[in-house]
Amino acid sequence: MIKFKLNIINVPLTDNLYQRIGLLIKWLYMRLLKKNKYVTERYRPIFVNKLNESLLDKTFDVAILMRGQIIKNDEFTLNTLKIYRANFPKAPIYLSTWDYCVDDDLCLFSKKNNIKLIISEFNKPTSGYGADNLQIIGNVNGLNAICEDKVKYCISTRTDQRFYSSNILIYLKNLISHYQYKKSNPNDKQLNRLIAMSFDTFLYRLYGLGDMFLFGLTEDVLNYWNSEKDTRVFTKEDLSKVITLRDLSNLRVDEVYFMTEFLKRNGHKLEWSIEDYLDVLRKRFIIIDSNSLDFLWPKYSFFEERYKDFRDIRFKEVSYLDWLLIKNYKLKFDDKILDSKRHS
């Protein structure tokens, strides 16, 4: 009975008994003490489920790239690859991971499930913020392999995330065909729009396109990720100066570093204004709802929409609805929010 109760909360993923107990207590606390709120839940299969033949997406010219370390809790990464192989039987699938994650079992698994394994040597970064430089290496090595195999389109995603929706590849190809891209300057190497998702794409984080999911022509996805590694070294003093949302953007780490480096390489002059940021989203990207992908990230929180707040919009994510309004110059925004404190 105790085991059953502890398994009620299995997101975030953890094998630690005390962390499971802590999550259960936190879940009960939220249920009992949150007032004037409707509560909903989502249930998703851990393992692959056989789909009806009509739901299989047999697209063959979209590669799926998963990058990062292997998540062993619930064999999350391997089960995700099995789900993708079942749902997208003809899609080329690539796993870009680190040498310390690779063993004979992973090689056998990759061969059995027709997964192309891209192995990079892991070296702990001595510069840059967090794992930013590792993200560049893992993405670029995987994308170069996809380019060599001449796969036209690509999705870049992560080993600790999963999308459950069927027919995603057909959907993304169809969507990108509806919105044309026009080059903005002679140095612009971008060929077509790129599609990102709403999760982690914040309205009030300048040049903060979410880096967890990106779809487009393989050359464009590589163009986005093919940045020079960040040579800056950050101190605690640097981070302590980040008070407002504008400060966070100006620090240029994580998503902001990737996006601003991409824009600079493609001839865009950064104005560091919300108007310019929205103009970039309007002309270069399409933002889709993460719910349309049935997106799961079993890390840090059991909340499905962890950043959503109906009163405080500092961390409002850009939805497909918002993007359509942005595209047609109809979205209202309050640029004073950029100067509000990150933590109230």
C-alpha atoms as a PDB file:
ATOM      1  CA  MET A   1       0.000   0.000   0.000  1.00  0.00           C
ATOM      2  CA  ILE A   2       2.836   2.384   0.846  1.00  0.00           C
ATOM      3  CA  LYS A   3       4.508   1.648  -2.478  1.00  0.00           C
ATOM      4  CA  PHE A   4       1.241   2.377  -4.269  1.00  0.00           C
ATOM      5  CA  LYS A   5       0.851   5.729  -2.538  1.00  0.00           C
ATOM      6  CA  LEU A   6       4.434   6.753  -3.234  1.00  0.00           C
ATOM      7  CA  ASN A   7       4.021   5.950  -6.909  1.00  0.00           C
ATOM      8  CA  ILE A   8       1.033   8.288  -7.213  1.00  0.00           C
ATOM      9  CA  ILE A   9       3.459  11.158  -7.795  1.00  0.00           C
ATOM     10  CA  ASN A  10       6.096  10.074 -10.315  1.00  0.00           C
ATOM     11  CA  VAL A  11       6.876  13.500 -11.779  1.00  0.00           C
ATOM     12  CA  PRO A  12       9.473  14.900 -11.297  1.00  0.00           C
ATOM     13  CA  LEU A  13      11.355  11.673 -11.910  1.00  0.00           C
ATOM     14  CA  THR A  14      13.357  10.393  -8.962  1.00  0.00           C
ATOM     15  CA  ASP A  15      14.475   7.057  -7.541  1.00  0.00           C
ATOM     16  CA  ASN A  16      15.095   8.563  -4.112  1.00  0.00           C
ATOM     17  CA  LEU A  17      12.542   7.355  -1.538  1.00  0.00           C
ATOM     18  CA  TYR A  18      12.740  10.531   0.563  1.00  0.00           C
ATOM     19  CA  GLN A  19      12.254  12.733  -2.487  1.00  0.00           C
ATOM     20  CA  ARG A  20       9.191  10.670  -3.431  1.00  0.00           C
ATOM     21  CA  ILE A  21       7.761  11.147   0.063  1.00  0.00           C
ATOM     22  CA  GLY A  22       8.511  14.881  -0.176  1.00  0.00           C
ATOM     23  CA  LEU A  23       6.726  15.114  -3.516  1.00  0.00           C
ATOM     24  CA  LEU A  24       3.691  13.303  -2.131  1.00  0.00           C
ATOM     25  CA  ILE A  25       3.541  15.701   0.835  1.00  0.00           C
ATOM     26  CA  LYS A  26       3.893  18.709  -1.470  1.00  0.00           C
ATOM     27  CA  TRP A  27       1.165  17.357  -3.762  1.00  0.00           C
ATOM     28  CA  LEU A  28      -1.219  16.869  -0.805  1.00  0.00           C
ATOM     29  CA  TYR A  29      -0.345  20.329   0.524  1.00  0.00           C
ATOM     30  CA  MET A  30      -1.175  21.944  -2.812  1.00  0.00           C
ATOM     31  CA  ARG A  31      -4.443  20.019  -3.012  1.00  0.00           C
ATOM     32  CA  LEU A  32      -5.592  20.833   0.509  1.00  0.00           C
ATOM     33  CA  LEU A  33      -4.547  24.463   0.850  1.00  0.00           C
ATOM     34  CA  LYS A  34      -5.058  25.947  -2.623  1.00  0.00           C
ATOM     35  CA  LYS A  35      -8.369  27.826  -2.554  1.00  0.00           C
ATOM     36  CA  ASN A  36     -10.601  29.200  -5.284  1.00  0.00           C
ATOM     37  CA  LYS A  37      -8.910  27.126  -7.958  1.00  0.00           C
ATOM     38  CA  TYR A  38     -10.012  24.294 -10.229  1.00  0.00           C
ATOM     39  CA  VAL A  39      -7.592  21.371 -10.242  1.00  0.00           C
ATOM     40  CA  THR A  40      -7.074  19.067 -13.220  1.00  0.00           C
ATOM     41  CA  GLU A  41      -4.732  16.151 -13.820  1.00  0.00           C
ATOM     42  CA  ARG A  42      -2.995  14.482 -16.757  1.00  0.00           C
ATOM     43  CA  TYR A  43      -2.111  10.828 -17.130  1.00  0.00           C
ATOM     44  CA  ARG A  44       0.356   9.637 -19.751  1.00  0.00           C
ATOM     45  CA  PRO A  45       1.762   6.167 -20.451  1.00  0.00           C
ATOM     46  CA  ILE A  46       5.315   5.494 -19.311  1.00  0.00           C
ATOM     47  CA  PHE A  47       5.863   2.864 -21.983  1.00  0.00           C
ATOM     48  CA  VAL A  48       5.061   2.651 -25.666  1.00  0.00           C
ATOM     49  CA  ASN A  49       1.429   2.000 -26.590  1.00  0.00           C
ATOM     50  CA  LYS A  50       0.522   0.553 -29.957  1.00  0.00           C
ATOM     51  CA  LEU A  51      -1.303   3.157 -32.027  1.00  0.00           C
ATOM     52  CA  ASN A  52      -4.092   2.540 -34.468  1.00  0.00           C
ATOM     53  CA  GLU A  53      -2.644   2.312 -37.979  1.00  0.00           C
ATOM     54  CA  SER A  54      -4.509   5.484 -38.969  1.00  0.00           C
ATOM     55  CA  LEU A  55      -2.580   7.472 -36.344  1.00  0.00           C
ATOM     56  CA  LEU A  56       0.891   6.443 -37.469  1.00  0.00           C
ATOM     57  CA  ASP A  57       2.907   9.265 -39.014  1.00  0.00           C
ATOM     58  CA  LYS A  58       4.908   7.695 -41.849  1.00  0.00           C
ATOM     59  CA  THR A  59       6.786  10.862 -42.813  1.00  0.00           C
ATOM     60  CA  PHE A  60      10.289   9.934 -43.972  1.00  0.00           C
ATOM     61  CA  ASP A  61      11.963  13.314 -44.584  1.00  0.00           C
ATOM     62  CA  VAL A  62      11.888  14.677 -41.002  1.00  0.00           C
ATOM     63  CA  ALA A  63      14.664  13.615 -38.644  1.00  0.00           C
ATOM     64  CA  ILE A  64      14.110  13.551 -34.894  1.00  0.00           C
ATOM     65  CA  LEU A  65      17.218  14.555 -32.942  1.00  0.00           C
ATOM     66  CA  MET A  66      17.351  13.899 -29.211  1.00  0.00           C
ATOM     67  CA  ARG A  67      20.377  15.381 -27.485  1.00  0.00           C
ATOM     68  CA  GLY A  68      21.727  15.146 -23.958  1.00  0.00           C
ATOM     69  CA  GLN A  69      22.589  12.586 -21.325  1.00  0.00           C
ATOM     70  CA  ILE A  70      20.627   9.357 -20.947  1.00  0.00           C
ATOM     71  CA  ILE A  71      17.871   9.676 -18.310  1.00  0.00           C
ATOM     72  CA  LYS A  72      17.749   6.338 -16.532  1.00  0.00           C
ATOM     73  CA  ASN A  73      14.802   6.959 -14.203  1.00  0.00           C
ATOM     74  CA  ASP A  74      12.005   4.763 -15.608  1.00  0.00           C
ATOM     75  CA  GLU A  75      14.399   4.327 -18.561  1.00  0.00           C
ATOM     76  CA  PHE A  76      12.877   7.599 -19.695  1.00  0.00           C
ATOM     77  CA  THR A  77      15.160   8.317 -22.652  1.00  0.00           C
ATOM     78  CA  LEU A  78      15.046   4.784 -24.057  1.00  0.00           C
ATOM     79  CA  ASN A  79      11.272   4.549 -23.642  1.00  0.00           C
ATOM     80  CA  THR A  80      10.919   7.901 -25.399  1.00  0.00           C
ATOM     81  CA  LEU A  81      12.960   6.599 -28.328  1.00  0.00           C
ATOM     82  CA  LYS A  82      10.769   3.477 -28.454  1.00  0.00           C
ATOM     83  CA  ILE A  83       7.648   5.652 -28.534  1.00  0.00           C
ATOM     84  CA  TYR A  84       9.051   7.771 -31.364  1.00  0.00           C
ATOM     85  CA  ARG A  85      10.081   4.707 -33.326  1.00  0.00           C
ATOM     86  CA  ALA A  86       6.560   3.250 -32.936  1.00  0.00           C
ATOM     87  CA  ASN A  87       4.730   6.508 -33.734  1.00  0.00           C
ATOM     88  CA  PHE A  88       7.050   7.599 -36.569  1.00  0.00           C
ATOM     89  CA  PRO A  89       8.146   4.308 -38.166  1.00  0.00           C
ATOM     90  CA  LYS A  90       9.872   5.840 -41.201  1.00  0.00           C
ATOM     91  CA  ALA A  91      11.467   8.884 -39.593  1.00  0.00           C
ATOM     92  CA  PRO A  92      15.267   8.919 -39.170  1.00  0.00           C
ATOM     93  CA  ILE A  93      15.950   9.149 -35.427  1.00  0.00           C
ATOM     94  CA  TYR A  94      19.263  10.356 -33.990  1.00  0.00           C
ATOM     95  CA  LEU A  95      20.527  10.277 -30.415  1.00  0.00           C
ATOM     96  CA  SER A  96      23.342  12.746 -29.720  1.00  0.00           C
ATOM     97  CA  THR A  97      24.828  11.918 -26.330  1.00  0.00           C
ATOM     98  CA  TRP A  98      28.064  11.826 -24.330  1.00  0.00           C
ATOM     99  CA  ASP A  99      30.708   9.133 -24.290  1.00  0.00           C
ATOM    100  CA  TYR A 100      30.167   8.388 -20.587  1.00  0.00           C
ATOM    101  CA  CYS A 101      26.522   7.466 -21.332  1.00  0.00           C
ATOM    102  CA  VAL A 102      27.378   4.882 -23.977  1.00  0.00           C
ATOM    103  CA  ASP A 103      27.750   1.168 -23.243  1.00  0.00           C
ATOM    104  CA  ASP A 104      27.140  -2.076 -25.118  1.00  0.00           C
ATOM    105  CA  ASP A 105      23.480  -2.141 -24.090  1.00  0.00           C
ATOM    106  CA  LEU A 106      22.855   1.305 -25.576  1.00  0.00           C
ATOM    107  CA  CYS A 107      24.601   0.321 -28.808  1.00  0.00           C
ATOM    108  CA  LEU A 108      22.470  -2.834 -29.069  1.00  0.00           C
ATOM    109  CA  PHE A 109      19.319  -0.854 -28.283  1.00  0.00           C
ATOM    110  CA  SER A 110      20.144   1.720 -30.970  1.00  0.00           C
ATOM    111  CA  LYS A 111      20.788  -0.960 -33.568  1.00  0.00           C
ATOM    112  CA  LYS A 112      17.598  -2.872 -32.709  1.00  0.00           C
ATOM    113  CA  ASN A 113      15.419   0.264 -32.899  1.00  0.00           C
ATOM    114  CA  ASN A 114      17.166   1.819 -35.902  1.00  0.00           C
ATOM    115  CA  ILE A 115      18.499   4.791 -33.938  1.00  0.00           C
ATOM    116  CA  LYS A 116      21.620   6.519 -35.212  1.00  0.00           C
ATOM    117  CA  LEU A 117      23.991   7.143 -32.299  1.00  0.00           C
ATOM    118  CA  ILE A 118      26.130  10.310 -32.294  1.00  0.00           C
ATOM    119  CA  ILE A 119      28.761  10.184 -29.546  1.00  0.00           C
ATOM    120  CA  SER A 120      30.610  13.286 -28.324  1.00  0.00           C
ATOM    121  CA  GLU A 121      33.475  13.432 -25.860  1.00  0.00           C
ATOM    122  CA  PHE A 122      32.338  14.997 -22.594  1.00  0.00           C
ATOM    123  CA  ASN A 123      34.507  17.718 -21.106  1.00  0.00           C
ATOM    124  CA  LYS A 124      33.244  19.777 -18.186  1.00  0.00           C
ATOM    125  CA  PRO A 125      32.873  23.372 -19.421  1.00  0.00           C
ATOM    126  CA  THR A 126      35.332  25.929 -18.068  1.00  0.00           C
ATOM    127  CA  SER A 127      33.480  28.893 -19.556  1.00  0.00           C
ATOM    128  CA  GLY A 128      29.976  29.899 -20.463  1.00  0.00           C
ATOM    129  CA  TYR A 129      26.889  29.617 -18.278  1.00  0.00           C
ATOM    130  CA  GLY A 130      25.785  26.225 -16.973  1.00  0.00           C
ATOM    131  CA  ALA A 131      25.462  23.667 -19.746  1.00  0.00           C
ATOM    132  CA  ASP A 132      25.104  26.197 -22.596  1.00  0.00           C
ATOM    133  CA  ASN A 133      28.299  25.144 -24.398  1.00  0.00           C
ATOM    134  CA  LEU A 134      27.386  21.475 -24.002  1.00  0.00           C
ATOM    135  CA  GLN A 135      24.021  22.173 -25.641  1.00  0.00           C
ATOM    136  CA  ILE A 136      25.799  23.729 -28.614  1.00  0.00           C
ATOM    137  CA  ILE A 137      28.130  20.735 -28.989  1.00  0.00           C
ATOM    138  CA  GLY A 138      25.390  18.107 -28.676  1.00  0.00           C
ATOM    139  CA  ASN A 139      23.098  19.868 -31.130  1.00  0.00           C
ATOM    140  CA  VAL A 140      25.714  20.746 -33.731  1.00  0.00           C
ATOM    141  CA  ASN A 141      27.257  17.261 -33.796  1.00  0.00           C
ATOM    142  CA  GLY A 142      23.846  15.678 -34.236  1.00  0.00           C
ATOM    143  CA  LEU A 143      22.690  18.191 -36.839  1.00  0.00           C
ATOM    144  CA  ASN A 144      25.893  17.787 -38.863  1.00  0.00           C
ATOM    145  CA  ALA A 145      25.186  14.059 -39.059  1.00  0.00           C
ATOM    146  CA  ILE A 146      21.631  14.741 -40.246  1.00  0.00           C
ATOM    147  CA  CYS A 147      22.929  17.161 -42.881  1.00  0.00           C
ATOM    148  CA  GLU A 148      25.400  14.535 -44.092  1.00  0.00           C
ATOM    149  CA  ASP A 149      22.496  12.104 -44.478  1.00  0.00           C
ATOM    150  CA  LYS A 150      20.619  14.779 -46.459  1.00  0.00           C
ATOM    151  CA  VAL A 151      17.397  14.648 -44.408  1.00  0.00           C
ATOM    152  CA  LYS A 152      15.371  17.700 -45.421  1.00  0.00           C
ATOM    153  CA  TYR A 153      13.707  18.635 -42.129  1.00  0.00           C
ATOM    154  CA  CYS A 154      14.633  18.165 -38.504  1.00  0.00           C
ATOM    155  CA  ILE A 155      13.240  18.400 -34.987  1.00  0.00           C
ATOM    156  CA  SER A 156      15.746  19.177 -32.244  1.00  0.00           C
ATOM    157  CA  THR A 157      14.566  18.055 -28.812  1.00  0.00           C
ATOM    158  CA  ARG A 158      15.981  16.759 -25.525  1.00  0.00           C
ATOM    159  CA  THR A 159      16.591  13.397 -23.860  1.00  0.00           C
ATOM    160  CA  ASP A 160      14.693  14.468 -20.728  1.00  0.00           C
ATOM    161  CA  GLN A 161      11.538  15.496 -22.601  1.00  0.00           C
ATOM    162  CA  ARG A 162       8.872  13.742 -24.632  1.00  0.00           C
ATOM    163  CA  PHE A 163       5.973  14.550 -26.935  1.00  0.00           C
ATOM    164  CA  TYR A 164       3.066  12.104 -27.210  1.00  0.00           C
ATOM    165  CA  SER A 165       0.946  13.522 -30.047  1.00  0.00           C
ATOM    166  CA  SER A 166       0.698  11.511 -33.217  1.00  0.00           C
ATOM    167  CA  ASN A 167       1.018  12.996 -36.731  1.00  0.00           C
ATOM    168  CA  ILE A 168       3.362  15.704 -35.444  1.00  0.00           C
ATOM    169  CA  LEU A 169       5.722  15.519 -38.416  1.00  0.00           C
ATOM    170  CA  ILE A 170       2.900  15.936 -40.922  1.00  0.00           C
ATOM    171  CA  TYR A 171       1.505  18.802 -38.836  1.00  0.00           C
ATOM    172  CA  LEU A 172       4.796  20.687 -38.647  1.00  0.00           C
ATOM    173  CA  LYS A 173       5.537  20.348 -42.371  1.00  0.00           C
ATOM    174  CA  ASN A 174       2.039  21.525 -43.217  1.00  0.00           C
ATOM    175  CA  LEU A 175       2.211  24.472 -40.822  1.00  0.00           C
ATOM    176  CA  ILE A 176       5.572  25.763 -42.058  1.00  0.00           C
ATOM    177  CA  SER A 177       4.283  25.708 -45.643  1.00  0.00           C
ATOM    178  CA  HIS A 178       1.551  28.229 -44.753  1.00  0.00           C
ATOM    179  CA  TYR A 179       3.870  31.001 -43.577  1.00  0.00           C
ATOM    180  CA  GLN A 180       6.467  32.288 -45.997  1.00  0.00           C
ATOM    181  CA  TYR A 181       9.847  33.671 -44.994  1.00  0.00           C
ATOM    182  CA  LYS A 182      11.430  36.779 -46.506  1.00  0.00           C
ATOM    183  CA  LYS A 183      15.135  37.467 -46.011  1.00  0.00           C
ATOM    184  CA  SER A 184      15.768  40.688 -44.134  1.00  0.00           C
ATOM    185  CA  ASN A 185      19.343  41.531 -45.140  1.00  0.00           C
ATOM    186  CA  PRO A 186      22.222  40.350 -47.410  1.00  0.00           C
ATOM    187  CA  ASN A 187      23.882  38.438 -44.527  1.00  0.00           C
ATOM    188  CA  ASP A 188      20.765  36.465 -43.670  1.00  0.00           C
ATOM    189  CA  LYS A 189      21.402  32.736 -44.157  1.00  0.00           C
ATOM    190  CA  GLN A 190      17.971  31.636 -42.920  1.00  0.00           C
ATOM    191  CA  LEU A 191      15.979  29.860 -45.654  1.00  0.00           C
ATOM    192  CA  ASN A 192      12.567  29.336 -44.075  1.00  0.00           C
ATOM    193  CA  ARG A 193      10.748  29.982 -40.830  1.00  0.00           C
ATOM    194  CA  LEU A 194      11.601  27.970 -37.725  1.00  0.00           C
ATOM    195  CA  ILE A 195       8.934  26.530 -35.431  1.00  0.00           C
ATOM    196  CA  ALA A 196       9.375  26.683 -31.649  1.00  0.00           C
ATOM    197  CA  MET A 197       6.903  25.927 -28.880  1.00  0.00           C
ATOM    198  CA  SER A 198       5.201  28.054 -26.258  1.00  0.00           C
ATOM    199  CA  PHE A 199       6.758  26.306 -23.262  1.00  0.00           C
ATOM    200  CA  ASP A 200       9.747  28.357 -22.052  1.00  0.00           C
ATOM    201  CA  THR A 201       9.234  31.050 -24.738  1.00  0.00           C
ATOM    202  CA  PHE A 202       8.493  34.062 -22.559  1.00  0.00           C
ATOM    203  CA  LEU A 203       6.948  37.311 -23.731  1.00  0.00           C
ATOM    204  CA  TYR A 204       8.957  39.425 -21.288  1.00  0.00           C
ATOM    205  CA  ARG A 205      12.363  37.778 -21.715  1.00  0.00           C
ATOM    206  CA  LEU A 206      13.925  39.666 -24.605  1.00  0.00           C
ATOM    207  CA  TYR A 207      15.186  37.350 -27.349  1.00  0.00           C
ATOM    208  CA  GLY A 208      14.194  34.391 -25.190  1.00  0.00           C
ATOM    209  CA  LEU A 209      12.929  31.803 -27.652  1.00  0.00           C
ATOM    210  CA  GLY A 210      12.610  28.460 -25.887  1.00  0.00           C
ATOM    211  CA  ASP A 211      15.514  26.150 -26.746  1.00  0.00           C
ATOM    212  CA  MET A 212      13.826  22.839 -25.924  1.00  0.00           C
ATOM    213  CA  PHE A 213      12.124  22.192 -29.268  1.00  0.00           C
ATOM    214  CA  LEU A 214      12.916  23.513 -32.731  1.00  0.00           C
ATOM    215  CA  PHE A 215      11.659  22.398 -36.148  1.00  0.00           C
ATOM    216  CA  GLY A 216      12.595  23.519 -39.630  1.00  0.00           C
ATOM    217  CA  LEU A 217      14.779  22.808 -42.610  1.00  0.00           C
ATOM    218  CA  THR A 218      17.815  20.972 -41.276  1.00  0.00           C
ATOM    219  CA  GLU A 219      20.104  23.738 -42.564  1.00  0.00           C
ATOM    220  CA  ASP A 220      18.045  26.305 -40.633  1.00  0.00           C
ATOM    221  CA  VAL A 221      18.038  24.325 -37.392  1.00  0.00           C
ATOM    222  CA  LEU A 222      21.820  23.922 -37.715  1.00  0.00           C
ATOM    223  CA  ASN A 223      22.105  27.632 -38.502  1.00  0.00           C
ATOM    224  CA  TYR A 224      20.254  28.406 -35.263  1.00  0.00           C
ATOM    225  CA  TRP A 225      22.456  26.207 -33.074  1.00  0.00           C
ATOM    226  CA  ASN A 226      25.809  26.666 -34.807  1.00  0.00           C
ATOM    227  CA  SER A 227      27.118  29.328 -32.425  1.00  0.00           C
ATOM    228  CA  GLU A 228      30.616  29.868 -31.154  1.00  0.00           C
ATOM    229  CA  LYS A 229      30.955  28.554 -27.628  1.00  0.00           C
ATOM    230  CA  ASP A 230      30.556  31.190 -24.941  1.00  0.00           C
ATOM    231  CA  THR A 231      33.997  32.191 -23.625  1.00  0.00           C
ATOM    232  CA  ARG A 232      32.721  34.322 -20.756  1.00  0.00           C
ATOM    233  CA  VAL A 233      33.253  33.207 -17.165  1.00  0.00           C
ATOM    234  CA  PHE A 234      30.473  34.139 -14.750  1.00  0.00           C
ATOM    235  CA  THR A 235      30.901  34.899 -11.076  1.00  0.00           C
ATOM    236  CA  LYS A 236      28.390  34.964  -8.233  1.00  0.00           C
ATOM    237  CA  GLU A 237      28.715  38.752  -8.332  1.00  0.00           C
ATOM    238  CA  ASP A 238      27.616  38.777 -11.986  1.00  0.00           C
ATOM    239  CA  LEU A 239      24.531  36.747 -11.141  1.00  0.00           C
ATOM    240  CA  SER A 240      23.716  38.819  -8.047  1.00  0.00           C
ATOM    241  CA  LYS A 241      23.298  41.886 -10.270  1.00  0.00           C
ATOM    242  CA  VAL A 242      20.388  40.268 -12.123  1.00  0.00           C
ATOM    243  CA  ILE A 243      17.434  41.961 -10.441  1.00  0.00           C
ATOM    244  CA  THR A 244      14.905  42.642 -13.211  1.00  0.00           C
ATOM    245  CA  LEU A 245      13.690  40.748 -16.247  1.00  0.00           C
ATOM    246  CA  ARG A 246      15.635  43.182 -18.403  1.00  0.00           C
ATOM    247  CA  ASP A 247      18.796  42.373 -16.421  1.00  0.00           C
ATOM    248  CA  LEU A 248      18.209  38.691 -17.069  1.00  0.00           C
ATOM    249  CA  SER A 249      17.999  39.265 -20.817  1.00  0.00           C
ATOM    250  CA  ASN A 250      21.049  41.530 -20.836  1.00  0.00           C
ATOM    251  CA  LEU A 251      23.090  38.828 -19.098  1.00  0.00           C
ATOM    252  CA  ARG A 252      22.706  36.810 -22.346  1.00  0.00           C
ATOM    253  CA  VAL A 253      22.719  33.271 -21.018  1.00  0.00           C
ATOM    254  CA  ASP A 254      20.823  30.108 -21.967  1.00  0.00           C
ATOM    255  CA  GLU A 255      18.021  30.786 -24.461  1.00  0.00           C
ATOM    256  CA  VAL A 256      18.970  34.444 -24.880  1.00  0.00           C
ATOM    257  CA  TYR A 257      22.558  33.567 -25.754  1.00  0.00           C
ATOM    258  CA  PHE A 258      21.477  31.069 -28.416  1.00  0.00           C
ATOM    259  CA  MET A 259      18.921  33.379 -29.994  1.00  0.00           C
ATOM    260  CA  THR A 260      21.036  36.539 -29.997  1.00  0.00           C
ATOM    261  CA  GLU A 261      24.044  34.706 -31.431  1.00  0.00           C
ATOM    262  CA  PHE A 262      21.819  33.322 -34.193  1.00  0.00           C
ATOM    263  CA  LEU A 263      20.413  36.765 -34.964  1.00  0.00           C
ATOM    264  CA  LYS A 264      23.835  38.427 -35.062  1.00  0.00           C
ATOM    265  CA  ARG A 265      25.214  35.755 -37.399  1.00  0.00           C
ATOM    266  CA  ASN A 266      22.279  36.376 -39.713  1.00  0.00           C
ATOM    267  CA  GLY A 267      22.722  40.117 -39.944  1.00  0.00           C
ATOM    268  CA  HIS A 268      20.110  41.270 -37.440  1.00  0.00           C
ATOM    269  CA  LYS A 269      21.007  44.333 -35.384  1.00  0.00           C
ATOM    270  CA  LEU A 270      19.798  43.815 -31.817  1.00  0.00           C
ATOM    271  CA  GLU A 271      17.846  46.768 -30.416  1.00  0.00           C
ATOM    272  CA  TRP A 272      17.166  45.208 -26.997  1.00  0.00           C
ATOM    273  CA  SER A 273      13.548  46.295 -27.039  1.00  0.00           C
ATOM    274  CA  ILE A 274      10.369  44.287 -26.801  1.00  0.00           C
ATOM    275  CA  GLU A 275       9.296  45.738 -30.144  1.00  0.00           C
ATOM    276  CA  ASP A 276      12.373  44.302 -31.848  1.00  0.00           C
ATOM    277  CA  TYR A 277      12.013  40.950 -30.072  1.00  0.00           C
ATOM    278  CA  LEU A 278       8.397  40.628 -31.218  1.00  0.00           C
ATOM    279  CA  ASP A 279       9.365  41.672 -34.739  1.00  0.00           C
ATOM    280  CA  VAL A 280      11.858  38.793 -34.824  1.00  0.00           C
ATOM    281  CA  LEU A 281       9.176  36.341 -33.668  1.00  0.00           C
ATOM    282  CA  ARG A 282       6.796  37.831 -36.233  1.00  0.00           C
ATOM    283  CA  LYS A 283       9.112  37.486 -39.227  1.00  0.00           C
ATOM    284  CA  ARG A 284      11.439  34.555 -38.519  1.00  0.00           C
ATOM    285  CA  PHE A 285       9.479  32.079 -36.394  1.00  0.00           C
ATOM    286  CA  ILE A 286       6.182  30.330 -35.730  1.00  0.00           C
ATOM    287  CA  ILE A 287       5.240  29.588 -32.117  1.00  0.00           C
ATOM    288  CA  ILE A 288       2.981  26.589 -31.526  1.00  0.00           C
ATOM    289  CA  ASP A 289       1.297  25.531 -28.309  1.00  0.00           C
ATOM    290  CA  SER A 290       3.246  22.888 -26.411  1.00  0.00           C
ATOM    291  CA  ASN A 291      -0.110  21.246 -25.676  1.00  0.00           C
ATOM    292  CA  SER A 292      -0.496  20.522 -29.381  1.00  0.00           C
ATOM    293  CA  LEU A 293       2.583  18.294 -29.051  1.00  0.00           C
ATOM    294  CA  ASP A 294       1.295  16.755 -25.795  1.00  0.00           C
ATOM    295  CA  PHE A 295       4.638  17.811 -24.352  1.00  0.00           C
ATOM    296  CA  LEU A 296       6.049  16.316 -21.139  1.00  0.00           C
ATOM    297  CA  TRP A 297       9.029  17.499 -19.096  1.00  0.00           C
ATOM    298  CA  PRO A 298       9.181  15.391 -15.918  1.00  0.00           C
ATOM    299  CA  LYS A 299      11.687  17.627 -14.175  1.00  0.00           C
ATOM    300  CA  TYR A 300      11.509  20.122 -11.299  1.00  0.00           C
ATOM    301  CA  SER A 301       7.698  20.264 -11.027  1.00  0.00           C
ATOM    302  CA  PHE A 302       4.503  18.216 -11.314  1.00  0.00           C
ATOM    303  CA  PHE A 303       2.585  21.245 -12.604  1.00  0.00           C
ATOM    304  CA  GLU A 304       1.564  20.899 -16.244  1.00  0.00           C
ATOM    305  CA  GLU A 305       1.790  24.671 -16.841  1.00  0.00           C
ATOM    306  CA  ARG A 306       4.326  25.589 -14.198  1.00  0.00           C
ATOM    307  CA  TYR A 307       4.793  29.209 -15.258  1.00  0.00           C
ATOM    308  CA  LYS A 308       1.146  30.147 -15.738  1.00  0.00           C
ATOM    309  CA  ASP A 309      -0.251  32.749 -13.368  1.00  0.00           C
ATOM    310  CA  PHE A 310      -3.591  34.427 -14.034  1.00  0.00           C
ATOM    311  CA  ARG A 311      -2.613  37.548 -12.044  1.00  0.00           C
ATOM    312  CA  ASP A 312       1.126  37.933 -12.574  1.00  0.00           C
ATOM    313  CA  ILE A 313       2.156  38.017 -16.255  1.00  0.00           C
ATOM    314  CA  ARG A 314       5.901  38.517 -15.774  1.00  0.00           C
ATOM    315  CA  PHE A 315       6.491  34.959 -16.943  1.00  0.00           C
ATOM    316  CA  LYS A 316       3.758  34.790 -19.546  1.00  0.00           C
ATOM    317  CA  GLU A 317       4.629  32.343 -22.322  1.00  0.00           C
ATOM    318  CA  VAL A 318       3.910  33.126 -25.979  1.00  0.00           C
ATOM    319  CA  SER A 319       1.102  30.888 -27.240  1.00  0.00           C
ATOM    320  CA  TYR A 320       0.089  30.258 -30.834  1.00  0.00           C
ATOM    321  CA  LEU A 321      -2.791  32.675 -30.231  1.00  0.00           C
ATOM    322  CA  ASP A 322      -0.302  35.307 -29.042  1.00  0.00           C
ATOM    323  CA  TRP A 323       1.972  34.665 -32.005  1.00  0.00           C
ATOM    324  CA  LEU A 324      -0.876  35.207 -34.475  1.00  0.00           C
ATOM    325  CA  LEU A 325      -1.634  38.507 -32.772  1.00  0.00           C
ATOM    326  CA  ILE A 326       2.056  39.417 -32.860  1.00  0.00           C
ATOM    327  CA  LYS A 327       2.227  38.522 -36.542  1.00  0.00           C
ATOM    328  CA  ASN A 328      -0.672  40.864 -37.287  1.00  0.00           C
ATOM    329  CA  TYR A 329       0.531  43.673 -34.973  1.00  0.00           C
ATOM    330  CA  LYS A 330      -2.440  43.138 -32.655  1.00  0.00           C
ATOM    331  CA  LEU A 331      -0.823  41.992 -29.409  1.00  0.00           C
ATOM    332  CA  LYS A 332      -0.805  44.519 -26.581  1.00  0.00           C
ATOM    333  CA  PHE A 333       2.120  44.464 -24.187  1.00  0.00           C
ATOM    334  CA  ASP A 334       3.457  46.439 -21.243  1.00  0.00           C
ATOM    335  CA  ASP A 335       7.177  47.090 -21.621  1.00  0.00           C
ATOM    336  CA  LYS A 336       7.374  48.402 -18.023  1.00  0.00           C
ATOM    337  CA  ILE A 337       7.215  44.764 -16.926  1.00  0.00           C
ATOM    338  CA  LEU A 338      10.752  44.330 -18.221  1.00  0.00           C
ATOM    339  CA  ASP A 339      11.946  46.495 -15.336  1.00  0.00           C
ATOM    340  CA  SER A 340      10.003  44.639 -12.671  1.00  0.00           C
ATOM    341  CA  LYS A 341      11.824  42.375 -10.245  1.00  0.00           C
ATOM    342  CA  ARG A 342      12.253  38.740 -11.207  1.00  0.00           C
ATOM    343  CA  HIS A 343      11.362  37.649  -7.680  1.00  0.00           C
ATOM    344  CA  SER A 344       8.635  39.500  -5.805  1.00  0.00           C
END
